[in-house]
């Protein structure tokens, strides 16, 4: 099991719960597993925190195209 020091700078996707490491000081990060995009803030130089989803991307994902009948 990885130690806390190994996980420093990683965030956990709130959609699929996969841990991943966003680029340092970026405002947005996309989960490599499910593709969900998150707004990220940095409380310390290497400590990232998810602030919430990128609403525009979430809206695109949830809207289903109308089927042709």
C-alpha atoms as a PDB file:
ATOM      1  CA  UNK A   1       0.000   0.000   0.000  1.00  0.00           C
ATOM      2  CA  UNK A   2       1.427   3.414  -0.970  1.00  0.00           C
ATOM      3  CA  UNK A   3       2.346   5.752   1.872  1.00  0.00           C
ATOM      4  CA  UNK A   4       0.948   9.245   2.292  1.00  0.00           C
ATOM      5  CA  UNK A   5       4.204  10.642   0.945  1.00  0.00           C
ATOM      6  CA  UNK A   6       3.772   8.647  -2.292  1.00  0.00           C
ATOM      7  CA  UNK A   7       0.235   9.987  -2.718  1.00  0.00           C
ATOM      8  CA  UNK A   8       1.210  13.646  -2.193  1.00  0.00           C
ATOM      9  CA  UNK A   9       0.016  15.622  -5.219  1.00  0.00           C
ATOM     10  CA  UNK A  10      -2.499  12.984  -6.320  1.00  0.00           C
ATOM     11  CA  UNK A  11      -6.244  13.474  -6.356  1.00  0.00           C
ATOM     12  CA  UNK A  12      -9.024  10.916  -6.410  1.00  0.00           C
ATOM     13  CA  UNK A  13     -11.652  11.147  -9.116  1.00  0.00           C
ATOM     14  CA  UNK A  14     -15.038  11.574  -7.464  1.00  0.00           C
ATOM     15  CA  UNK A  15     -16.707   9.693 -10.294  1.00  0.00           C
ATOM     16  CA  UNK A  16     -14.676   6.457 -10.575  1.00  0.00           C
ATOM     17  CA  UNK A  17     -12.403   6.834  -7.476  1.00  0.00           C
ATOM     18  CA  UNK A  18      -9.167   6.377  -9.436  1.00  0.00           C
ATOM     19  CA  UNK A  19      -6.126   8.211  -8.066  1.00  0.00           C
ATOM     20  CA  UNK A  20      -4.169  10.307 -10.545  1.00  0.00           C
ATOM     21  CA  UNK A  21      -1.606  13.082 -10.479  1.00  0.00           C
ATOM     22  CA  UNK A  22      -2.574  16.326 -12.243  1.00  0.00           C
ATOM     23  CA  UNK A  23       0.051  18.647 -13.693  1.00  0.00           C
ATOM     24  CA  UNK A  24       1.425  21.052 -11.078  1.00  0.00           C
ATOM     25  CA  UNK A  25      -0.461  24.353 -10.684  1.00  0.00           C
ATOM     26  CA  UNK A  26      -3.098  23.513 -13.284  1.00  0.00           C
ATOM     27  CA  UNK A  27      -6.686  24.745 -12.836  1.00  0.00           C
ATOM     28  CA  UNK A  28      -8.352  21.716 -14.459  1.00  0.00           C
ATOM     29  CA  UNK A  29      -7.532  18.014 -14.535  1.00  0.00           C
ATOM     30  CA  UNK A  30      -9.110  15.144 -16.464  1.00  0.00           C
ATOM     31  CA  UNK A  31      -9.347  11.649 -15.019  1.00  0.00           C
ATOM     32  CA  UNK A  32      -7.436   9.220 -17.259  1.00  0.00           C
ATOM     33  CA  UNK A  33      -9.839   6.390 -16.380  1.00  0.00           C
ATOM     34  CA  UNK A  34     -13.336   7.851 -16.937  1.00  0.00           C
ATOM     35  CA  UNK A  35     -12.580  11.174 -18.700  1.00  0.00           C
ATOM     36  CA  UNK A  36     -14.376  13.343 -16.133  1.00  0.00           C
ATOM     37  CA  UNK A  37     -12.895  16.843 -15.878  1.00  0.00           C
ATOM     38  CA  UNK A  38     -12.432  18.515 -12.472  1.00  0.00           C
ATOM     39  CA  UNK A  39     -11.614  22.007 -11.230  1.00  0.00           C
ATOM     40  CA  UNK A  40      -8.474  21.795  -9.085  1.00  0.00           C
ATOM     41  CA  UNK A  41      -6.920  24.136  -6.515  1.00  0.00           C
ATOM     42  CA  UNK A  42      -3.538  23.927  -4.844  1.00  0.00           C
ATOM     43  CA  UNK A  43      -3.456  24.562  -1.093  1.00  0.00           C
ATOM     44  CA  UNK A  44       0.298  23.903  -0.852  1.00  0.00           C
ATOM     45  CA  UNK A  45       2.836  23.633  -3.686  1.00  0.00           C
ATOM     46  CA  UNK A  46       2.329  19.866  -4.041  1.00  0.00           C
ATOM     47  CA  UNK A  47      -1.133  19.358  -2.508  1.00  0.00           C
ATOM     48  CA  UNK A  48      -4.030  19.391  -4.973  1.00  0.00           C
ATOM     49  CA  UNK A  49      -7.714  19.467  -4.034  1.00  0.00           C
ATOM     50  CA  UNK A  50     -10.780  18.906  -6.209  1.00  0.00           C
ATOM     51  CA  UNK A  51     -13.163  21.858  -6.047  1.00  0.00           C
ATOM     52  CA  UNK A  52     -15.867  20.438  -8.287  1.00  0.00           C
ATOM     53  CA  UNK A  53     -16.659  19.343 -11.809  1.00  0.00           C
ATOM     54  CA  UNK A  54     -16.160  21.495 -14.875  1.00  0.00           C
ATOM     55  CA  UNK A  55     -19.851  22.221 -15.408  1.00  0.00           C
ATOM     56  CA  UNK A  56     -19.649  22.702 -19.163  1.00  0.00           C
ATOM     57  CA  UNK A  57     -18.079  19.265 -19.633  1.00  0.00           C
ATOM     58  CA  UNK A  58     -20.511  17.650 -17.192  1.00  0.00           C
ATOM     59  CA  UNK A  59     -23.453  19.110 -19.101  1.00  0.00           C
ATOM     60  CA  UNK A  60     -22.061  17.737 -22.391  1.00  0.00           C
ATOM     61  CA  UNK A  61     -21.632  14.270 -20.857  1.00  0.00           C
ATOM     62  CA  UNK A  62     -25.140  14.113 -19.413  1.00  0.00           C
ATOM     63  CA  UNK A  63     -26.964  15.423 -22.487  1.00  0.00           C
ATOM     64  CA  UNK A  64     -27.969  12.536 -24.695  1.00  0.00           C
ATOM     65  CA  UNK A  65     -28.346  13.105 -28.428  1.00  0.00           C
ATOM     66  CA  UNK A  66     -31.887  12.643 -29.649  1.00  0.00           C
ATOM     67  CA  UNK A  67     -32.334   9.344 -31.423  1.00  0.00           C
ATOM     68  CA  UNK A  68     -33.663   9.467 -34.928  1.00  0.00           C
ATOM     69  CA  UNK A  69     -37.033   7.768 -35.273  1.00  0.00           C
END
